[in-house]
Protein backbone atom coordinates (compact mmCIF):
# COMPACT_ATOMS: atom_id res chain seq x y z
CA UNK A 1 -34.73 -38.52 -38.76
CA UNK A 2 -31.70 -36.86 -39.15
CA UNK A 3 -28.81 -38.46 -41.31
CA UNK A 4 -25.66 -38.96 -38.97
CA UNK A 5 -23.23 -38.05 -42.24
CA UNK A 6 -24.85 -34.71 -43.03
CA UNK A 7 -24.42 -31.91 -40.49
CA UNK A 8 -27.54 -30.47 -38.97
CA UNK A 9 -28.53 -27.33 -41.07
CA UNK A 10 -29.61 -25.28 -38.08
CA UNK A 11 -26.16 -25.80 -36.51
CA UNK A 12 -24.64 -24.20 -39.59
CA UNK A 13 -26.78 -21.66 -39.64
CA UNK A 14 -26.22 -20.42 -36.13
CA UNK A 15 -22.42 -20.84 -36.34
CA UNK A 16 -22.84 -18.30 -39.38
CA UNK A 17 -24.73 -15.82 -37.44
CA UNK A 18 -21.99 -16.08 -34.82
CA UNK A 19 -19.00 -15.68 -37.07
CA UNK A 20 -21.04 -12.78 -38.16
CA UNK A 21 -21.70 -11.06 -35.17
CA UNK A 22 -18.16 -11.80 -33.38
CA UNK A 23 -15.84 -9.03 -32.82
CA UNK A 24 -12.49 -8.87 -33.82
CA UNK A 25 -10.39 -8.72 -30.45
CA UNK A 26 -8.37 -5.47 -30.37
CA UNK A 27 -5.40 -5.44 -27.93
CA UNK A 28 -4.25 -1.33 -27.25
CA UNK A 29 -0.73 -0.82 -27.36
CA UNK A 30 1.37 -0.94 -24.03
CA UNK A 31 2.51 2.55 -22.84
CA UNK A 32 5.98 2.32 -21.19
CA UNK A 33 5.48 4.54 -18.12
CA UNK A 34 9.11 5.07 -17.75
CA UNK A 35 9.27 7.66 -20.74
CA UNK A 36 6.57 9.99 -19.24
CA UNK A 37 7.59 13.26 -17.78
CA UNK A 38 8.43 13.30 -14.14
CA UNK A 39 5.80 16.02 -13.17
CA UNK A 40 2.88 13.62 -14.89
CA UNK A 41 4.16 10.67 -12.76
CA UNK A 42 4.53 12.62 -9.76
CA UNK A 43 0.94 14.10 -10.05
CA UNK A 44 -0.72 10.34 -10.63
CA UNK A 45 1.63 8.07 -8.71
CA UNK A 46 3.35 10.44 -6.14
CA UNK A 47 6.64 9.27 -7.78
CA UNK A 48 8.48 10.83 -10.17
CA UNK A 49 10.96 7.89 -11.29
CA UNK A 50 9.50 4.33 -11.26
CA UNK A 51 12.25 1.97 -12.20
CA UNK A 52 13.88 1.71 -8.75
CA UNK A 53 10.02 0.46 -7.49
CA UNK A 54 9.64 -2.09 -10.67
CA UNK A 55 13.05 -3.35 -9.88
CA UNK A 56 12.21 -3.95 -6.26
CA UNK A 57 8.85 -5.28 -6.47
CA UNK A 58 8.66 -6.74 -9.95
CA UNK A 59 10.21 -10.13 -8.65
CA UNK A 60 7.47 -10.60 -6.27
CA UNK A 61 4.41 -9.31 -8.09
CA UNK A 62 5.22 -10.59 -11.77
CA UNK A 63 2.76 -13.17 -13.13
CA UNK A 64 4.03 -16.40 -13.94
CA UNK A 65 2.19 -17.56 -16.83
CA UNK A 66 2.37 -18.25 -20.55
CA UNK A 67 -0.44 -15.81 -21.58
CA UNK A 68 0.75 -13.06 -23.98
CA UNK A 69 -1.52 -10.65 -22.72
CA UNK A 70 -0.89 -11.02 -19.11
CA UNK A 71 -0.12 -7.60 -16.95
CA UNK A 72 3.27 -6.88 -16.58
CA UNK A 73 4.83 -6.04 -13.08
CA UNK A 74 4.86 -2.27 -14.17
CA UNK A 75 1.00 -1.89 -15.12
CA UNK A 76 0.36 -3.90 -11.60
CA UNK A 77 2.61 -1.45 -9.87
CA UNK A 78 0.97 1.58 -11.49
CA UNK A 79 -2.45 0.72 -10.99
CA UNK A 80 -1.73 0.29 -7.32
CA UNK A 81 0.14 3.91 -6.84
CA UNK A 82 -2.74 5.33 -8.67
CA UNK A 83 -5.06 3.75 -6.21
CA UNK A 84 -2.85 4.67 -2.88
CA UNK A 85 -2.30 8.48 -4.18
CA UNK A 86 -5.76 9.03 -5.85
CA UNK A 87 -8.10 7.12 -2.92
CA UNK A 88 -10.99 6.97 -5.71
CA UNK A 89 -13.21 4.12 -6.20
CA UNK A 90 -11.78 1.16 -8.08
CA UNK A 91 -13.99 1.78 -11.16
CA UNK A 92 -12.18 4.91 -11.67
CA UNK A 93 -8.74 3.44 -10.99
CA UNK A 94 -9.38 1.00 -13.56
CA UNK A 95 -9.75 2.76 -16.73
CA UNK A 96 -9.12 0.13 -19.38
CA UNK A 97 -8.53 -2.58 -17.00
CA UNK A 98 -11.36 -4.51 -14.75
CA UNK A 99 -12.18 -4.05 -11.46
CA UNK A 100 -11.06 -7.50 -10.36
CA UNK A 101 -7.92 -7.05 -12.24
CA UNK A 102 -7.24 -3.75 -10.26
CA UNK A 103 -8.11 -5.30 -6.87
CA UNK A 104 -5.72 -8.00 -7.36
CA UNK A 105 -2.93 -5.79 -8.63
CA UNK A 106 -3.39 -3.62 -5.47
CA UNK A 107 -3.41 -6.78 -3.32
CA UNK A 108 0.06 -8.33 -4.86
CA UNK A 109 1.77 -4.90 -4.54
CA UNK A 110 0.80 -4.33 -0.81
CA UNK A 111 2.01 -7.87 0.32
CA UNK A 112 5.10 -7.24 -1.68
CA UNK A 113 5.57 -3.81 -0.01
CA UNK A 114 4.99 -5.58 3.74
CA UNK A 115 7.90 -7.76 3.28
CA UNK A 116 10.12 -4.57 3.48
CA UNK A 117 8.34 -3.41 6.84
CA UNK A 118 10.34 -3.88 10.06
CA UNK A 119 10.34 -1.42 13.46
CA UNK A 120 8.13 -1.13 16.10
CA UNK A 121 4.78 0.97 16.61
CA UNK A 122 4.85 3.83 19.21
CA UNK A 123 1.55 4.84 21.72
CA UNK A 124 0.92 7.30 24.21
CA UNK A 125 -0.06 5.95 27.69
CA UNK A 126 -3.56 5.18 26.51
CA UNK A 127 -2.38 2.20 24.57
CA UNK A 128 -0.99 -0.94 26.55
CA UNK A 129 2.55 -1.99 26.21
CA UNK A 130 2.98 -4.74 23.73
CA UNK A 131 6.02 -6.37 21.77
CA UNK A 132 5.05 -4.60 18.83
CA UNK A 133 3.64 -1.34 20.27
CA UNK A 134 6.07 0.54 22.87
CA UNK A 135 4.58 3.21 25.29
CA UNK A 136 6.40 5.57 27.83
CA UNK A 137 7.40 4.32 31.10
CA UNK A 138 4.57 5.34 33.75
CA UNK A 139 6.99 6.33 36.49
CA UNK A 140 10.14 6.62 34.98
CA UNK A 141 13.42 6.43 36.94
CA UNK A 142 16.63 8.60 36.18
CA UNK A 143 18.49 7.10 33.85
CA UNK A 144 17.67 4.84 30.79
CA UNK A 145 13.78 4.97 31.34
CA UNK A 146 13.96 9.01 31.55
CA UNK A 147 16.20 9.12 28.24
CA UNK A 148 13.51 6.74 26.71
CA UNK A 149 10.73 8.66 27.83
CA UNK A 150 12.38 11.68 26.24
CA UNK A 151 13.26 9.99 23.09
CA UNK A 152 9.85 8.29 22.92
CA UNK A 153 8.33 11.74 23.25
CA UNK A 154 10.20 13.41 20.38
CA UNK A 155 9.64 10.46 18.18
CA UNK A 156 5.71 10.32 18.71
CA UNK A 157 5.71 14.24 17.83
CA UNK A 158 7.50 13.49 14.60
CA UNK A 159 4.96 10.51 13.80
CA UNK A 160 2.01 12.81 14.21
CA UNK A 161 3.27 15.15 11.76
CA UNK A 162 4.22 12.32 9.66
CA UNK A 163 0.77 10.93 9.76
CA UNK A 164 -0.52 13.99 8.15
CA UNK A 165 2.51 13.90 5.23
CA UNK A 166 1.34 10.47 4.42
CA UNK A 167 -2.40 11.45 4.43
CA UNK A 168 -1.74 14.25 1.95
CA UNK A 169 0.88 11.89 -0.31
CA UNK A 170 -1.46 8.92 -0.45
CA UNK A 171 -5.17 10.28 -0.55
CA UNK A 172 -6.60 6.85 -0.16
CA UNK A 173 -5.62 6.98 3.72
CA UNK A 174 -8.28 9.38 4.24
CA UNK A 175 -11.03 7.16 3.72
CA UNK A 176 -10.39 3.65 3.19
CA UNK A 177 -13.33 1.39 1.82
CA UNK A 178 -12.05 -1.79 2.28
CA UNK A 179 -11.99 -4.44 5.00
CA UNK A 180 -9.75 -4.02 8.35
CA UNK A 181 -7.52 -6.47 7.26
CA UNK A 182 -7.09 -4.77 3.87
CA UNK A 183 -6.82 -1.73 5.45
CA UNK A 184 -3.92 -2.50 7.56
CA UNK A 185 -2.19 -3.83 4.66
CA UNK A 186 -2.81 -0.64 2.51
CA UNK A 187 -1.50 1.78 5.49
CA UNK A 188 1.67 -0.46 6.06
CA UNK A 189 2.03 -0.21 2.17
CA UNK A 190 2.03 3.64 2.17
CA UNK A 191 4.17 3.78 4.83
CA UNK A 192 6.68 1.76 3.38
CA UNK A 193 6.27 3.70 0.01
CA UNK A 194 6.80 6.90 1.82
CA UNK A 195 10.20 5.81 3.34
CA UNK A 196 11.21 5.00 0.09
CA UNK A 197 10.23 8.32 -1.27
CA UNK A 198 12.46 9.99 1.21
CA UNK A 199 15.29 8.11 0.63
CA UNK A 200 14.89 8.69 -3.01
CA UNK A 201 14.50 12.30 -2.65
CA UNK A 202 10.72 12.52 -3.91
CA UNK A 203 8.88 15.69 -3.05
CA UNK A 204 5.77 15.42 -0.53
CA UNK A 205 2.66 17.96 -0.77
CA UNK A 206 2.50 20.82 1.63
CA UNK A 207 0.68 19.80 4.85
CA UNK A 208 -0.49 21.80 7.93
CA UNK A 209 1.53 20.15 10.94
CA UNK A 210 -0.45 19.96 14.39
CA UNK A 211 0.87 19.64 17.81
CA UNK A 212 0.36 16.27 19.30
CA UNK A 213 -2.39 15.61 21.94
CA UNK A 214 -1.47 13.48 24.80
CA UNK A 215 -4.05 11.10 26.67
CA UNK A 216 -2.76 10.34 30.37
CA UNK A 217 -4.33 7.08 30.72
CA UNK A 218 -2.68 4.26 32.76
CA UNK A 219 -4.00 1.03 31.42
CA UNK A 220 -3.99 -2.16 33.52
CA UNK A 221 -0.58 -3.78 34.51
CA UNK A 222 -1.73 -7.27 33.29
CA UNK A 223 -1.92 -6.10 29.60
CA UNK A 224 1.62 -4.42 29.84
CA UNK A 225 3.32 -7.68 28.31
CA UNK A 226 5.78 -5.59 26.26
CA UNK A 227 8.06 -4.11 29.06
CA UNK A 228 10.74 -6.79 28.68
CA UNK A 229 11.07 -5.14 25.33
CA UNK A 230 10.88 -1.96 26.44
CA UNK A 231 13.45 -2.57 28.99
CA UNK A 232 15.70 -3.63 26.26
CA UNK A 233 15.48 -0.70 24.27
CA UNK A 234 15.88 1.52 27.15
CA UNK A 235 19.31 -0.29 27.83
CA UNK A 236 20.45 -0.21 24.17
CA UNK A 237 19.38 3.80 23.91
CA UNK A 238 22.27 6.29 23.62
């Protein structure tokens, strides 16, 4: 029978073995991404300057914790931008981070970027006219409706060409390996980042522009519940 006042020698030996096999935790020094050359940052993240994005998204993605080694907003931003620009598997993006950590970082950055998205989607006659998806008038009358169709056609041609630039800038859009809901968030994030890149004067990769294809298909009238919004846009069009 063991004595309650004497420690179990088996437990002491096990503790000694654990202490001998325990590895000392090593924390890699954090790199300041703001001091890397602009060519390196653009090739890796498609942005040559990250300070603006960090100031814009930092308050929305920053970890609220007392842990000393939590990821900074800059690290999470770089992980997400690397995925958007590379489009590779998360294992390749992770590097010194875990796959789950990179996935959470991408999710945080994508949700923060969605807050800066506003506007309407444009579609051809093959799509129904919805409050958030505007299509051309099927039988335009002379005046605002005709002007709307002309502006709609010109804008859609620009959008089709922009899609090619988006895929060249953000390689992840060529083949997304995520659920449809996550894919929508990533696409919106890339669109917002593309607009920011244009406003900040960032270069974009060379891309071949293709003419748009038109599908003259008229949907049923009962699904065109966005016609009221389209009429408002027509009246305010200059």
